Amino acid sequence: MNLDEAGMFVRVNVAAQRARQLMQGAAPKVESRSRKPAAIAIQEVEEGLIEAFTPSELPESLREAAFGPDESAESEE
C-alpha cells in the first residue's frame, strides 16, 4: 500500500504501530533530533520508509509470521 496515497486515518494508524515497534526496541530508520518514538515514526512515514500492507496484500512469509500457518490450505489436501 502506498502511504502517500493513503488517507490520513491509515497514515496515523501505521505511524502508531511503528511507534509501538520503536518503543519495543526496533531500530529507527531515520536520523532524528527527537527521541520520542511517535515523532520518529511520523518522520519515517512522511519520508516513505515504512511499508504497510492490508491483510490480503501481505506476502506469504509475513502472513504466516503474523497469523500462523494457513490451516485451510492444509485441510484441502
C-alpha atoms as a PDB file:
ATOM      1  CA  MET A   1       0.000   0.000   0.000  1.00  0.00           C
ATOM      2  CA  ASN A   2       1.377   3.360  -0.959  1.00  0.00           C
ATOM      3  CA  LEU A   3       1.100   5.559   2.122  1.00  0.00           C
ATOM      4  CA  ASP A   4       1.482   8.718   0.040  1.00  0.00           C
ATOM      5  CA  GLU A   5      -1.924   7.956  -1.483  1.00  0.00           C
ATOM      6  CA  ALA A   6      -3.489   6.577   1.705  1.00  0.00           C
ATOM      7  CA  GLY A   7      -5.847   8.629   3.795  1.00  0.00           C
ATOM      8  CA  MET A   8      -4.832  10.360   6.996  1.00  0.00           C
ATOM      9  CA  PHE A   9      -6.517   7.662   9.116  1.00  0.00           C
ATOM     10  CA  VAL A  10      -4.336   4.931   7.603  1.00  0.00           C
ATOM     11  CA  ARG A  11      -1.166   7.011   7.907  1.00  0.00           C
ATOM     12  CA  VAL A  12      -1.864   7.768  11.588  1.00  0.00           C
ATOM     13  CA  ASN A  13      -2.519   4.096  12.337  1.00  0.00           C
ATOM     14  CA  VAL A  14       0.657   2.994  10.567  1.00  0.00           C
ATOM     15  CA  ALA A  15       2.679   5.607  12.473  1.00  0.00           C
ATOM     16  CA  ALA A  16       1.128   4.441  15.763  1.00  0.00           C
ATOM     17  CA  GLN A  17       2.043   0.825  15.026  1.00  0.00           C
ATOM     18  CA  ARG A  18       5.574   1.867  14.090  1.00  0.00           C
ATOM     19  CA  ALA A  19       5.885   3.927  17.302  1.00  0.00           C
ATOM     20  CA  ARG A  20       4.987   0.773  19.268  1.00  0.00           C
ATOM     21  CA  GLN A  21       7.729  -1.120  17.434  1.00  0.00           C
ATOM     22  CA  LEU A  22      10.227   1.612  18.271  1.00  0.00           C
ATOM     23  CA  MET A  23       9.204   1.524  21.942  1.00  0.00           C
ATOM     24  CA  GLN A  24       9.814  -2.231  21.929  1.00  0.00           C
ATOM     25  CA  GLY A  25      13.363  -1.741  20.693  1.00  0.00           C
ATOM     26  CA  ALA A  26      13.179  -1.589  16.890  1.00  0.00           C
ATOM     27  CA  ALA A  27      15.932   0.484  15.294  1.00  0.00           C
ATOM     28  CA  PRO A  28      14.841   3.806  13.787  1.00  0.00           C
ATOM     29  CA  LYS A  29      15.128   4.108  10.010  1.00  0.00           C
ATOM     30  CA  VAL A  30      15.964   7.834  10.163  1.00  0.00           C
ATOM     31  CA  GLU A  31      18.347  10.145  11.950  1.00  0.00           C
ATOM     32  CA  SER A  32      16.197  12.340  14.136  1.00  0.00           C
ATOM     33  CA  ARG A  33      16.768  15.074  16.668  1.00  0.00           C
ATOM     34  CA  SER A  34      13.764  13.736  18.550  1.00  0.00           C
ATOM     35  CA  ARG A  35      13.979  10.805  20.920  1.00  0.00           C
ATOM     36  CA  LYS A  36      10.192  10.387  21.024  1.00  0.00           C
ATOM     37  CA  PRO A  37       9.020   7.219  19.251  1.00  0.00           C
ATOM     38  CA  ALA A  38       5.875   8.888  17.895  1.00  0.00           C
ATOM     39  CA  ALA A  39       7.838  11.755  16.316  1.00  0.00           C
ATOM     40  CA  ILE A  40      10.340   9.336  14.781  1.00  0.00           C
ATOM     41  CA  ALA A  41       7.535   7.131  13.437  1.00  0.00           C
ATOM     42  CA  ILE A  42       5.783  10.103  11.833  1.00  0.00           C
ATOM     43  CA  GLN A  43       9.060  11.185  10.214  1.00  0.00           C
ATOM     44  CA  GLU A  44       9.579   7.642   8.858  1.00  0.00           C
ATOM     45  CA  VAL A  45       6.065   7.597   7.385  1.00  0.00           C
ATOM     46  CA  GLU A  46       6.477  11.075   5.862  1.00  0.00           C
ATOM     47  CA  GLU A  47       9.773  10.046   4.231  1.00  0.00           C
ATOM     48  CA  GLY A  48       8.181   6.918   2.745  1.00  0.00           C
ATOM     49  CA  LEU A  49      10.390   4.490   4.665  1.00  0.00           C
ATOM     50  CA  ILE A  50       7.533   2.396   6.059  1.00  0.00           C
ATOM     51  CA  GLU A  51       5.652  -0.214   4.058  1.00  0.00           C
ATOM     52  CA  ALA A  52       2.100  -1.059   5.003  1.00  0.00           C
ATOM     53  CA  PHE A  53       0.033  -3.999   3.861  1.00  0.00           C
ATOM     54  CA  THR A  54      -3.626  -4.850   4.093  1.00  0.00           C
ATOM     55  CA  PRO A  55      -4.117  -8.454   5.259  1.00  0.00           C
ATOM     56  CA  SER A  56      -4.815  -9.573   1.678  1.00  0.00           C
ATOM     57  CA  GLU A  57      -1.618  -7.880   0.420  1.00  0.00           C
ATOM     58  CA  LEU A  58       0.710  -9.475   2.965  1.00  0.00           C
ATOM     59  CA  PRO A  59       3.441 -11.626   1.446  1.00  0.00           C
ATOM     60  CA  GLU A  60       3.004 -15.289   2.417  1.00  0.00           C
ATOM     61  CA  SER A  61       6.063 -15.340   4.684  1.00  0.00           C
ATOM     62  CA  LEU A  62       4.845 -12.309   6.634  1.00  0.00           C
ATOM     63  CA  ARG A  63       1.281 -13.641   6.789  1.00  0.00           C
ATOM     64  CA  GLU A  64       2.488 -16.876   8.390  1.00  0.00           C
ATOM     65  CA  ALA A  65       4.691 -14.963  10.845  1.00  0.00           C
ATOM     66  CA  ALA A  66       1.778 -12.720  11.832  1.00  0.00           C
ATOM     67  CA  PHE A  67      -1.101 -15.180  11.823  1.00  0.00           C
ATOM     68  CA  GLY A  68       0.457 -18.653  11.808  1.00  0.00           C
ATOM     69  CA  PRO A  69       0.158 -21.272   9.073  1.00  0.00           C
ATOM     70  CA  ASP A  70      -2.977 -21.234   6.941  1.00  0.00           C
ATOM     71  CA  GLU A  71      -4.821 -24.294   8.208  1.00  0.00           C
ATOM     72  CA  SER A  72      -7.496 -24.093   5.496  1.00  0.00           C
ATOM     73  CA  ALA A  73      -4.826 -24.903   2.858  1.00  0.00           C
ATOM     74  CA  GLU A  74      -3.767 -27.982   4.801  1.00  0.00           C
ATOM     75  CA  SER A  75      -7.315 -29.299   5.157  1.00  0.00           C
ATOM     76  CA  GLU A  76      -7.886 -29.116   1.382  1.00  0.00           C
ATOM     77  CA  GLU A  77      -5.035 -31.547   0.626  1.00  0.00           C
END
